[in-house]
Amino acid sequence: MTLQQLFDSIGNNPTFLLIFFIGLPILAFVMIWITGEDSYKSPWNFIYSGIIYAVAVPGIFATLLVAYTMFFENTSLLQVNWVIYFLPIISMFVTLFILSRKLSLKRIPGFDKISGLFFMIITASIVIFLLSRMRIWTVFIGSIWHLFGLFIVLLVLFRVGFKRLFSKS
């Protein structure tokens, strides 16, 4: 089964995905309402961490999928399945917005790790995109100094991402 076949199968039966990505913001809202001031205590903060990971990992994947579709395949986003491409991103932003209104996300275990992971994935995607376009760029308008500057910038970005991902909380 290819990834496209999986997307087609999910697109034909989107019920589980709809329930999951609509249910996560609702669950976050209900959890905020239930826990109140006790949200930073032991069982609740790990539940919030699970909600954040459950919504952020598919949201990051969907963001990369949208970027890949736009930049590499040159496919119109009007032709893609919105449940697969846009619902995880919308659910991620809505859930993080709901949680950030009442919680300090820095106090949630693992949130700094997910932001570091997101930063590294975005940086790696930029590297892949630039490398796919690099040959034409360096031949016509680039120089060795541009490549060196790009290398330094990417090195700093990866360092910041790795530091956030592997730092001890």
C-alpha atoms as a PDB file:
ATOM      1  CA  MET A   1       0.000   0.000   0.000  1.00  0.00           C
ATOM      2  CA  THR A   2       1.418   3.356  -0.998  1.00  0.00           C
ATOM      3  CA  LEU A   3       0.950   6.569   0.904  1.00  0.00           C
ATOM      4  CA  GLN A   4      -1.400   7.848  -1.800  1.00  0.00           C
ATOM      5  CA  GLN A   5      -3.541   4.712  -1.469  1.00  0.00           C
ATOM      6  CA  LEU A   6      -3.669   5.257   2.297  1.00  0.00           C
ATOM      7  CA  PHE A   7      -4.767   8.868   1.775  1.00  0.00           C
ATOM      8  CA  ASP A   8      -7.420   7.737  -0.709  1.00  0.00           C
ATOM      9  CA  SER A   9      -8.693   5.116   1.748  1.00  0.00           C
ATOM     10  CA  ILE A  10      -8.879   7.663   4.560  1.00  0.00           C
ATOM     11  CA  GLY A  11     -10.509  10.174   2.218  1.00  0.00           C
ATOM     12  CA  ASN A  12     -13.212   7.659   1.341  1.00  0.00           C
ATOM     13  CA  ASN A  13     -13.919   6.909   5.040  1.00  0.00           C
ATOM     14  CA  PRO A  14     -13.045  10.076   6.993  1.00  0.00           C
ATOM     15  CA  THR A  15     -15.260   9.389  10.016  1.00  0.00           C
ATOM     16  CA  PHE A  16     -12.455   8.359  12.380  1.00  0.00           C
ATOM     17  CA  LEU A  17     -10.280  11.305  11.348  1.00  0.00           C
ATOM     18  CA  LEU A  18     -13.153  13.755  11.775  1.00  0.00           C
ATOM     19  CA  ILE A  19     -13.988  12.428  15.238  1.00  0.00           C
ATOM     20  CA  PHE A  20     -10.313  12.460  16.273  1.00  0.00           C
ATOM     21  CA  PHE A  21      -9.420  15.963  15.077  1.00  0.00           C
ATOM     22  CA  ILE A  22     -12.681  17.582  16.125  1.00  0.00           C
ATOM     23  CA  GLY A  23     -12.631  15.723  19.439  1.00  0.00           C
ATOM     24  CA  LEU A  24      -9.152  16.888  20.485  1.00  0.00           C
ATOM     25  CA  PRO A  25     -10.016  20.610  20.785  1.00  0.00           C
ATOM     26  CA  ILE A  26     -13.241  19.668  22.554  1.00  0.00           C
ATOM     27  CA  LEU A  27     -11.304  17.409  24.925  1.00  0.00           C
ATOM     28  CA  ALA A  28      -8.795  20.217  25.594  1.00  0.00           C
ATOM     29  CA  PHE A  29     -11.635  22.630  26.378  1.00  0.00           C
ATOM     30  CA  VAL A  30     -13.342  20.143  28.705  1.00  0.00           C
ATOM     31  CA  MET A  31     -10.042  19.356  30.454  1.00  0.00           C
ATOM     32  CA  ILE A  32      -9.367  23.060  31.041  1.00  0.00           C
ATOM     33  CA  TRP A  33     -12.873  23.427  32.459  1.00  0.00           C
ATOM     34  CA  ILE A  34     -12.553  20.356  34.714  1.00  0.00           C
ATOM     35  CA  THR A  35      -9.052  20.932  36.096  1.00  0.00           C
ATOM     36  CA  GLY A  36      -9.178  24.682  36.702  1.00  0.00           C
ATOM     37  CA  GLU A  37      -6.272  25.678  38.951  1.00  0.00           C
ATOM     38  CA  ASP A  38      -5.063  22.084  39.396  1.00  0.00           C
ATOM     39  CA  SER A  39      -3.985  21.773  35.773  1.00  0.00           C
ATOM     40  CA  TYR A  40      -0.275  21.764  36.618  1.00  0.00           C
ATOM     41  CA  LYS A  41      -0.528  18.899  39.097  1.00  0.00           C
ATOM     42  CA  SER A  42       0.723  15.430  38.326  1.00  0.00           C
ATOM     43  CA  PRO A  43      -1.964  13.469  36.532  1.00  0.00           C
ATOM     44  CA  TRP A  44      -3.419  16.410  34.625  1.00  0.00           C
ATOM     45  CA  ASN A  45      -0.214  17.814  33.144  1.00  0.00           C
ATOM     46  CA  PHE A  46       0.618  14.448  31.572  1.00  0.00           C
ATOM     47  CA  ILE A  47      -2.858  14.251  30.065  1.00  0.00           C
ATOM     48  CA  TYR A  48      -2.311  17.721  28.579  1.00  0.00           C
ATOM     49  CA  SER A  49       1.036  16.543  27.252  1.00  0.00           C
ATOM     50  CA  GLY A  50      -0.671  13.577  25.586  1.00  0.00           C
ATOM     51  CA  ILE A  51      -3.275  15.871  24.016  1.00  0.00           C
ATOM     52  CA  ILE A  52      -0.537  18.164  22.706  1.00  0.00           C
ATOM     53  CA  TYR A  53       1.421  15.283  21.174  1.00  0.00           C
ATOM     54  CA  ALA A  54      -1.744  13.711  19.733  1.00  0.00           C
ATOM     55  CA  VAL A  55      -2.586  16.926  17.918  1.00  0.00           C
ATOM     56  CA  ALA A  56       0.897  18.293  17.143  1.00  0.00           C
ATOM     57  CA  VAL A  57       2.523  15.290  15.462  1.00  0.00           C
ATOM     58  CA  PRO A  58      -0.223  14.868  12.816  1.00  0.00           C
ATOM     59  CA  GLY A  59      -0.405  18.669  12.486  1.00  0.00           C
ATOM     60  CA  ILE A  60       3.318  18.875  11.761  1.00  0.00           C
ATOM     61  CA  PHE A  61       3.023  16.012   9.284  1.00  0.00           C
ATOM     62  CA  ALA A  62       0.091  17.704   7.538  1.00  0.00           C
ATOM     63  CA  THR A  63       2.026  20.989   7.368  1.00  0.00           C
ATOM     64  CA  LEU A  64       4.903  19.194   5.665  1.00  0.00           C
ATOM     65  CA  LEU A  65       2.453  17.437   3.369  1.00  0.00           C
ATOM     66  CA  VAL A  66       0.956  20.775   2.301  1.00  0.00           C
ATOM     67  CA  ALA A  67       4.435  22.253   1.746  1.00  0.00           C
ATOM     68  CA  TYR A  68       5.516  19.186  -0.244  1.00  0.00           C
ATOM     69  CA  THR A  69       2.388  19.337  -2.371  1.00  0.00           C
ATOM     70  CA  MET A  70       2.860  23.048  -3.085  1.00  0.00           C
ATOM     71  CA  PHE A  71       6.605  23.162  -3.713  1.00  0.00           C
ATOM     72  CA  PHE A  72       7.560  19.754  -5.087  1.00  0.00           C
ATOM     73  CA  GLU A  73       4.466  18.442  -6.842  1.00  0.00           C
ATOM     74  CA  ASN A  74       3.117  21.833  -7.936  1.00  0.00           C
ATOM     75  CA  THR A  75      -0.396  20.549  -7.282  1.00  0.00           C
ATOM     76  CA  SER A  76      -3.216  22.952  -6.604  1.00  0.00           C
ATOM     77  CA  LEU A  77      -4.372  22.810  -3.005  1.00  0.00           C
ATOM     78  CA  LEU A  78      -7.930  23.098  -4.275  1.00  0.00           C
ATOM     79  CA  GLN A  79      -7.645  19.509  -5.545  1.00  0.00           C
ATOM     80  CA  VAL A  80      -6.549  17.844  -2.305  1.00  0.00           C
ATOM     81  CA  ASN A  81      -8.647  16.233   0.409  1.00  0.00           C
ATOM     82  CA  TRP A  82      -9.194  18.833   3.119  1.00  0.00           C
ATOM     83  CA  VAL A  83      -9.647  16.207   5.860  1.00  0.00           C
ATOM     84  CA  ILE A  84      -6.120  14.899   5.331  1.00  0.00           C
ATOM     85  CA  TYR A  85      -4.335  18.122   4.413  1.00  0.00           C
ATOM     86  CA  PHE A  86      -5.989  20.888   6.443  1.00  0.00           C
ATOM     87  CA  LEU A  87      -8.033  19.414   9.313  1.00  0.00           C
ATOM     88  CA  PRO A  88      -4.949  18.290  11.322  1.00  0.00           C
ATOM     89  CA  ILE A  89      -3.390  21.763  10.964  1.00  0.00           C
ATOM     90  CA  ILE A  90      -6.586  23.542  11.995  1.00  0.00           C
ATOM     91  CA  SER A  91      -7.085  21.148  14.912  1.00  0.00           C
ATOM     92  CA  MET A  92      -3.477  21.685  16.049  1.00  0.00           C
ATOM     93  CA  PHE A  93      -3.805  25.467  16.073  1.00  0.00           C
ATOM     94  CA  VAL A  94      -7.222  25.444  17.748  1.00  0.00           C
ATOM     95  CA  THR A  95      -6.138  22.969  20.439  1.00  0.00           C
ATOM     96  CA  LEU A  96      -2.899  24.824  21.192  1.00  0.00           C
ATOM     97  CA  PHE A  97      -4.828  28.095  21.293  1.00  0.00           C
ATOM     98  CA  ILE A  98      -7.366  26.695  23.752  1.00  0.00           C
ATOM     99  CA  LEU A  99      -4.645  25.270  25.976  1.00  0.00           C
ATOM    100  CA  SER A 100      -2.459  28.367  25.824  1.00  0.00           C
ATOM    101  CA  ARG A 101      -5.320  30.600  26.974  1.00  0.00           C
ATOM    102  CA  LYS A 102      -5.436  28.939  30.412  1.00  0.00           C
ATOM    103  CA  LEU A 103      -2.073  27.154  30.714  1.00  0.00           C
ATOM    104  CA  SER A 104       1.543  28.114  30.436  1.00  0.00           C
ATOM    105  CA  LEU A 105       2.620  25.579  27.838  1.00  0.00           C
ATOM    106  CA  LYS A 106       6.198  25.747  29.081  1.00  0.00           C
ATOM    107  CA  ARG A 107       5.051  24.020  32.270  1.00  0.00           C
ATOM    108  CA  ILE A 108       3.576  21.093  30.352  1.00  0.00           C
ATOM    109  CA  PRO A 109       6.030  18.145  30.223  1.00  0.00           C
ATOM    110  CA  GLY A 110       7.506  17.635  26.765  1.00  0.00           C
ATOM    111  CA  PHE A 111       6.179  20.802  25.132  1.00  0.00           C
ATOM    112  CA  ASP A 112       9.672  22.201  24.657  1.00  0.00           C
ATOM    113  CA  LYS A 113      10.646  18.910  23.012  1.00  0.00           C
ATOM    114  CA  ILE A 114       7.782  19.090  20.504  1.00  0.00           C
ATOM    115  CA  SER A 115       8.628  22.690  19.624  1.00  0.00           C
ATOM    116  CA  GLY A 116      12.257  21.669  19.071  1.00  0.00           C
ATOM    117  CA  LEU A 117      11.123  18.754  16.918  1.00  0.00           C
ATOM    118  CA  PHE A 118       8.879  21.062  14.890  1.00  0.00           C
ATOM    119  CA  PHE A 119      11.774  23.503  14.446  1.00  0.00           C
ATOM    120  CA  MET A 120      14.105  20.719  13.266  1.00  0.00           C
ATOM    121  CA  ILE A 121      11.552  19.295  10.841  1.00  0.00           C
ATOM    122  CA  ILE A 122      10.939  22.713   9.314  1.00  0.00           C
ATOM    123  CA  THR A 123      14.693  23.311   9.040  1.00  0.00           C
ATOM    124  CA  ALA A 124      15.259  19.920   7.432  1.00  0.00           C
ATOM    125  CA  SER A 125      12.434  20.611   4.972  1.00  0.00           C
ATOM    126  CA  ILE A 126      14.028  23.913   4.022  1.00  0.00           C
ATOM    127  CA  VAL A 127      17.341  22.123   3.480  1.00  0.00           C
ATOM    128  CA  ILE A 128      15.680  19.538   1.258  1.00  0.00           C
ATOM    129  CA  PHE A 129      13.884  22.222  -0.712  1.00  0.00           C
ATOM    130  CA  LEU A 130      17.070  24.251  -1.159  1.00  0.00           C
ATOM    131  CA  LEU A 131      19.087  21.219  -2.175  1.00  0.00           C
ATOM    132  CA  SER A 132      16.505  20.310  -4.768  1.00  0.00           C
ATOM    133  CA  ARG A 133      16.835  23.785  -6.242  1.00  0.00           C
ATOM    134  CA  MET A 134      20.530  24.317  -5.460  1.00  0.00           C
ATOM    135  CA  ARG A 135      22.110  23.409  -8.779  1.00  0.00           C
ATOM    136  CA  ILE A 136      20.289  26.102 -10.723  1.00  0.00           C
ATOM    137  CA  TRP A 137      20.721  28.648  -7.913  1.00  0.00           C
ATOM    138  CA  THR A 138      24.495  28.203  -7.580  1.00  0.00           C
ATOM    139  CA  VAL A 139      25.160  28.187 -11.313  1.00  0.00           C
ATOM    140  CA  PHE A 140      23.322  31.393 -12.141  1.00  0.00           C
ATOM    141  CA  ILE A 141      23.317  33.696  -9.100  1.00  0.00           C
ATOM    142  CA  GLY A 142      25.102  31.944  -6.259  1.00  0.00           C
ATOM    143  CA  SER A 143      28.728  31.906  -5.264  1.00  0.00           C
ATOM    144  CA  ILE A 144      30.835  29.978  -2.821  1.00  0.00           C
ATOM    145  CA  TRP A 145      30.175  32.683  -0.217  1.00  0.00           C
ATOM    146  CA  HIS A 146      26.429  32.222  -0.583  1.00  0.00           C
ATOM    147  CA  LEU A 147      26.864  28.502   0.006  1.00  0.00           C
ATOM    148  CA  PHE A 148      29.075  29.155   3.022  1.00  0.00           C
ATOM    149  CA  GLY A 149      26.518  31.592   4.454  1.00  0.00           C
ATOM    150  CA  LEU A 150      23.741  29.050   3.879  1.00  0.00           C
ATOM    151  CA  PHE A 151      25.820  26.415   5.634  1.00  0.00           C
ATOM    152  CA  ILE A 152      26.379  28.653   8.671  1.00  0.00           C
ATOM    153  CA  VAL A 153      22.692  29.577   8.903  1.00  0.00           C
ATOM    154  CA  LEU A 154      21.595  25.938   8.666  1.00  0.00           C
ATOM    155  CA  LEU A 155      24.200  24.902  11.205  1.00  0.00           C
ATOM    156  CA  VAL A 156      22.885  27.447  13.697  1.00  0.00           C
ATOM    157  CA  LEU A 157      19.269  26.430  13.030  1.00  0.00           C
ATOM    158  CA  PHE A 158      20.039  22.739  13.527  1.00  0.00           C
ATOM    159  CA  ARG A 159      21.970  23.511  16.712  1.00  0.00           C
ATOM    160  CA  VAL A 160      19.039  25.439  18.177  1.00  0.00           C
ATOM    161  CA  GLY A 161      16.645  22.652  17.194  1.00  0.00           C
ATOM    162  CA  PHE A 162      18.816  19.902  18.658  1.00  0.00           C
ATOM    163  CA  LYS A 163      19.334  21.918  21.832  1.00  0.00           C
ATOM    164  CA  ARG A 164      15.576  22.284  22.296  1.00  0.00           C
ATOM    165  CA  LEU A 165      14.890  18.660  21.422  1.00  0.00           C
ATOM    166  CA  PHE A 166      17.500  17.072  23.664  1.00  0.00           C
ATOM    167  CA  SER A 167      17.661  19.559  26.547  1.00  0.00           C
ATOM    168  CA  LYS A 168      16.803  18.285  30.000  1.00  0.00           C
ATOM    169  CA  SER A 169      13.673  19.798  31.474  1.00  0.00           C
END
